Amino acid sequence: MIVGTGIDIVNIERVERMMARWGGLFLSRVFTEREIERCQQRVRPSECFALRFAAKEAFLKAIGRGLRNGIRWTDIEVENDLLGKPLLSFRRKAREILETERIGKALLTLSHEQPFAVAHVLLEGKNDEGSER
């Protein structure tokens, strides 16, 4: 059963300006070390960072809490499987919230077209046996 959905759109040029102004401070506050490493290897790092920022915002909207109750940007990480499919992984407070709210799966899709990056997150709940509803 679907228990939450969130969508976010980010202006890639805005992320470029934030990177130029705040540099490593912005990156380390919002992104994990693996995300930073992965995005900095791309031809257009700002596009990669914008997609990940949108994904984190979409997840926060889907759980309906935003950055409250101790959750941090770096508690949410965007990864890719071997075929490039985007995946969300969670640690610390984000993982705790998923367990408390009985969320079994977080599905993510990303897209971009200059100057925008967009992300959509769909949350599926767990049934009484612990699998997805």
Protein backbone atom coordinates (compact mmCIF):
# COMPACT_ATOMS: atom_id res chain seq x y z
CA MET A 1 0.00 0.00 0.00
CA ILE A 2 1.23 3.50 -0.81
CA VAL A 3 1.81 5.45 2.39
CA GLY A 4 3.48 8.57 1.02
CA THR A 5 4.50 10.40 -2.12
CA GLY A 6 6.68 13.42 -2.69
CA ILE A 7 7.97 15.38 -5.67
CA ASP A 8 10.51 18.17 -5.94
CA ILE A 9 11.96 20.30 -8.71
CA VAL A 10 15.29 22.12 -8.43
CA ASN A 11 16.85 24.74 -10.66
CA ILE A 12 20.28 23.37 -11.59
CA GLU A 13 21.68 26.89 -11.99
CA ARG A 14 20.68 27.66 -8.39
CA VAL A 15 22.71 24.66 -7.22
CA GLU A 16 25.65 25.92 -9.33
CA ARG A 17 25.43 29.28 -7.53
CA MET A 18 25.28 27.59 -4.12
CA MET A 19 28.34 25.52 -5.00
CA ALA A 20 30.21 28.62 -6.16
CA ARG A 21 29.29 30.60 -3.06
CA TRP A 22 29.58 27.97 -0.32
CA GLY A 23 31.71 25.24 -1.94
CA GLY A 24 32.62 22.36 0.33
CA LEU A 25 30.55 23.70 3.23
CA PHE A 26 27.33 23.36 1.19
CA LEU A 27 28.33 19.98 -0.22
CA SER A 28 29.34 18.41 3.10
CA ARG A 29 26.22 19.65 4.85
CA VAL A 30 23.80 18.24 2.27
CA PHE A 31 25.55 15.28 0.63
CA THR A 32 27.36 12.16 1.83
CA GLU A 33 31.01 11.61 0.97
CA ARG A 34 30.01 9.00 -1.62
CA GLU A 35 27.54 11.38 -3.25
CA ILE A 36 30.16 14.13 -3.40
CA GLU A 37 32.75 11.78 -4.89
CA ARG A 38 30.29 10.40 -7.44
CA CYS A 39 28.99 13.80 -8.55
CA GLN A 40 32.41 15.43 -8.79
CA GLN A 41 33.41 12.76 -11.30
CA ARG A 42 30.57 13.77 -13.63
CA VAL A 43 30.91 16.15 -16.57
CA ARG A 44 28.25 18.40 -14.98
CA PRO A 45 28.57 17.99 -11.21
CA SER A 46 25.87 20.59 -10.50
CA GLU A 47 23.31 18.52 -12.42
CA CYS A 48 24.18 15.44 -10.36
CA PHE A 49 23.97 17.40 -7.09
CA ALA A 50 20.67 19.02 -8.13
CA LEU A 51 19.12 15.59 -8.82
CA ARG A 52 20.22 14.32 -5.43
CA PHE A 53 19.00 17.44 -3.66
CA ALA A 54 15.60 17.06 -5.35
CA ALA A 55 15.48 13.38 -4.32
CA LYS A 56 16.15 14.23 -0.67
CA GLU A 57 13.48 16.97 -0.72
CA ALA A 58 10.98 14.61 -2.36
CA PHE A 59 11.64 11.97 0.31
CA LEU A 60 11.17 14.51 3.11
CA LYS A 61 7.85 15.54 1.55
CA ALA A 62 6.79 11.89 1.21
CA ILE A 63 7.34 11.19 4.92
CA GLY A 64 5.59 14.47 5.77
CA ARG A 65 8.18 15.69 8.27
CA GLY A 66 10.77 17.79 6.51
CA LEU A 67 14.03 18.31 8.39
CA ARG A 68 12.47 17.86 11.83
CA ASN A 69 12.94 15.39 14.63
CA GLY A 70 16.70 15.18 14.17
CA ILE A 71 16.80 14.06 10.54
CA ARG A 72 19.76 15.42 8.56
CA TRP A 73 20.39 15.74 4.83
CA THR A 74 23.18 13.19 5.08
CA ASP A 75 20.80 10.62 6.62
CA ILE A 76 19.43 10.22 3.08
CA GLU A 77 21.71 9.01 0.27
CA VAL A 78 21.05 8.58 -3.43
CA GLU A 79 22.88 5.64 -5.00
CA ASN A 80 22.62 3.83 -8.31
CA ASP A 81 22.40 0.11 -8.98
CA LEU A 82 24.61 -1.57 -11.59
CA LEU A 83 22.23 -0.54 -14.37
CA GLY A 84 22.07 3.09 -13.20
CA LYS A 85 18.65 2.90 -11.53
CA PRO A 86 18.50 5.47 -8.69
CA LEU A 87 18.01 4.10 -5.18
CA LEU A 88 17.56 5.70 -1.79
CA SER A 89 19.45 4.46 1.23
CA PHE A 90 18.99 5.65 4.79
CA ARG A 91 20.95 5.90 8.01
CA ARG A 92 20.55 7.24 11.51
CA LYS A 93 17.29 9.16 12.05
CA ALA A 94 15.90 8.59 8.55
CA ARG A 95 16.20 4.82 8.99
CA GLU A 96 14.62 5.05 12.45
CA ILE A 97 11.63 6.97 11.05
CA LEU A 98 11.13 4.38 8.28
CA GLU A 99 11.07 1.60 10.87
CA THR A 100 8.75 3.50 13.23
CA GLU A 101 6.34 4.38 10.41
CA ARG A 102 6.54 0.82 9.03
CA ILE A 103 7.73 1.91 5.60
CA GLY A 104 9.07 -1.05 3.66
CA LYS A 105 10.22 0.48 0.41
CA ALA A 106 11.12 3.90 -0.99
CA LEU A 107 10.95 4.09 -4.78
CA LEU A 108 12.76 6.92 -6.57
CA THR A 109 12.74 8.29 -10.09
CA LEU A 110 14.86 11.18 -11.35
CA SER A 111 14.84 13.29 -14.50
CA HIS A 112 16.43 16.49 -15.74
CA GLU A 113 16.09 18.94 -18.58
CA GLN A 114 18.06 22.16 -18.37
CA PRO A 115 17.63 24.13 -16.23
CA PHE A 116 15.63 21.76 -14.00
CA ALA A 117 16.12 18.53 -12.07
CA VAL A 118 13.09 16.66 -10.75
CA ALA A 119 12.62 13.74 -8.37
CA HIS A 120 9.62 11.69 -7.31
CA VAL A 121 9.53 9.37 -4.27
CA LEU A 122 6.84 6.79 -3.55
CA LEU A 123 6.74 5.08 -0.14
CA GLU A 124 5.24 1.63 0.35
CA GLY A 125 4.21 0.39 3.78
CA LYS A 126 4.90 -2.95 5.45
CA ASN A 127 2.15 -5.44 6.26
CA ASP A 128 1.93 -7.29 9.58
CA GLU A 129 4.43 -9.93 8.40
CA GLY A 130 7.01 -7.22 7.66
CA SER A 131 6.86 -7.36 3.87
CA GLU A 132 5.53 -4.59 1.65
CA ARG A 133 1.78 -4.05 1.64
